[in-house]
Amino acid sequence: MQNHKQFLTKSEFGKLIEQTVKDHRSSYMDAIIHLCEKHEVELEEVKKFISPIIKNKLEAEAMKLNFLPRQNSLPID
C-alpha cells in the first residue's frame, strides 16, 4: 500500500468514493476499484477504509444488480 496516506480515515476515503461516483457517474464498486488502481492499493487491503455507510450503498447496489439476494424493501422512489 503505497499512497494510502491520501485516505487514512474511513471518512476521507468515503469522500473520495462519493466524489468519484459523482464525477465519473459510476457505481460504488467501480469507484472503489478505480481508486485502488489509482492509488496502487490492493482490493483486499481497502476494506478497512470502507465506512458502514459506503458498505450499505455497496450492498444495495449489489442487490439491485442481482449479485446478492434481494431483501424485502419498500418501493420508495
Protein backbone atom coordinates (compact mmCIF):
# COMPACT_ATOMS: atom_id res chain seq x y z
CA MET A 1 0.00 0.00 0.00
CA GLN A 2 1.95 2.97 -1.25
CA ASN A 3 -0.22 6.08 -1.39
CA HIS A 4 -2.75 5.20 1.30
CA LYS A 5 -1.80 8.36 3.22
CA GLN A 6 -4.21 10.20 0.93
CA PHE A 7 -7.14 8.46 2.63
CA LEU A 8 -6.10 7.47 6.13
CA THR A 9 -9.58 7.50 7.62
CA LYS A 10 -12.85 5.90 6.65
CA SER A 11 -14.48 9.31 6.23
CA GLU A 12 -11.72 10.61 3.95
CA PHE A 13 -11.86 7.50 1.78
CA GLY A 14 -15.65 7.67 1.80
CA LYS A 15 -15.46 11.23 0.49
CA LEU A 16 -13.10 10.10 -2.28
CA ILE A 17 -15.52 7.30 -3.21
CA GLU A 18 -18.54 9.63 -3.24
CA GLN A 19 -16.65 12.20 -5.33
CA THR A 20 -15.54 9.51 -7.80
CA VAL A 21 -19.10 8.19 -8.12
CA LYS A 22 -20.33 11.71 -8.80
CA ASP A 23 -17.53 12.78 -11.18
CA HIS A 24 -17.39 9.56 -13.21
CA ARG A 25 -21.09 8.71 -12.89
CA SER A 26 -20.00 5.23 -11.91
CA SER A 27 -21.12 2.61 -9.45
CA TYR A 28 -19.66 2.36 -5.96
CA MET A 29 -17.91 -0.87 -6.90
CA ASP A 30 -16.30 0.75 -9.94
CA ALA A 31 -15.31 3.81 -7.91
CA ILE A 32 -13.56 1.69 -5.29
CA ILE A 33 -11.75 -0.34 -7.95
CA HIS A 34 -10.74 2.87 -9.74
CA LEU A 35 -9.38 4.42 -6.54
CA CYS A 36 -7.48 1.25 -5.68
CA GLU A 37 -5.84 1.22 -9.10
CA LYS A 38 -5.14 4.96 -9.00
CA HIS A 39 -3.53 4.80 -5.54
CA GLU A 40 -1.94 1.37 -6.03
CA VAL A 41 -3.86 -0.22 -3.18
CA GLU A 42 -4.77 -3.90 -3.12
CA LEU A 43 -8.52 -4.50 -3.05
CA GLU A 44 -8.10 -6.82 -0.07
CA GLU A 45 -6.43 -4.03 1.92
CA VAL A 46 -9.00 -1.35 1.23
CA LYS A 47 -11.85 -2.99 3.16
CA LYS A 48 -10.66 -1.41 6.41
CA PHE A 49 -11.16 2.05 4.86
CA ILE A 50 -14.75 1.49 3.76
CA SER A 51 -17.26 3.05 6.14
CA PRO A 52 -20.55 1.39 7.13
CA ILE A 53 -22.43 3.95 5.01
CA ILE A 54 -20.47 3.00 1.89
CA LYS A 55 -20.88 -0.70 2.76
CA ASN A 56 -24.66 -0.21 2.86
CA LYS A 57 -24.60 1.55 -0.50
CA LEU A 58 -22.46 -1.24 -1.96
CA GLU A 59 -24.87 -3.84 -0.61
CA ALA A 60 -27.88 -2.03 -2.10
CA GLU A 61 -26.08 -1.71 -5.42
CA ALA A 62 -25.16 -5.40 -5.39
CA MET A 63 -28.79 -6.39 -4.65
CA LYS A 64 -30.02 -4.18 -7.48
CA LEU A 65 -27.58 -5.91 -9.85
CA ASN A 66 -28.61 -9.34 -8.52
CA PHE A 67 -25.14 -10.01 -7.08
CA LEU A 68 -26.79 -10.54 -3.68
CA PRO A 69 -30.26 -11.87 -2.87
CA ARG A 70 -32.80 -9.09 -2.56
CA GLN A 71 -34.32 -8.34 0.79
CA ASN A 72 -37.84 -7.09 1.32
CA SER A 73 -37.94 -3.33 0.94
CA LEU A 74 -40.49 -0.62 0.48
CA PRO A 75 -40.80 0.80 -3.05
CA ILE A 76 -39.63 4.35 -2.36
CA ASP A 77 -38.86 6.45 -5.43
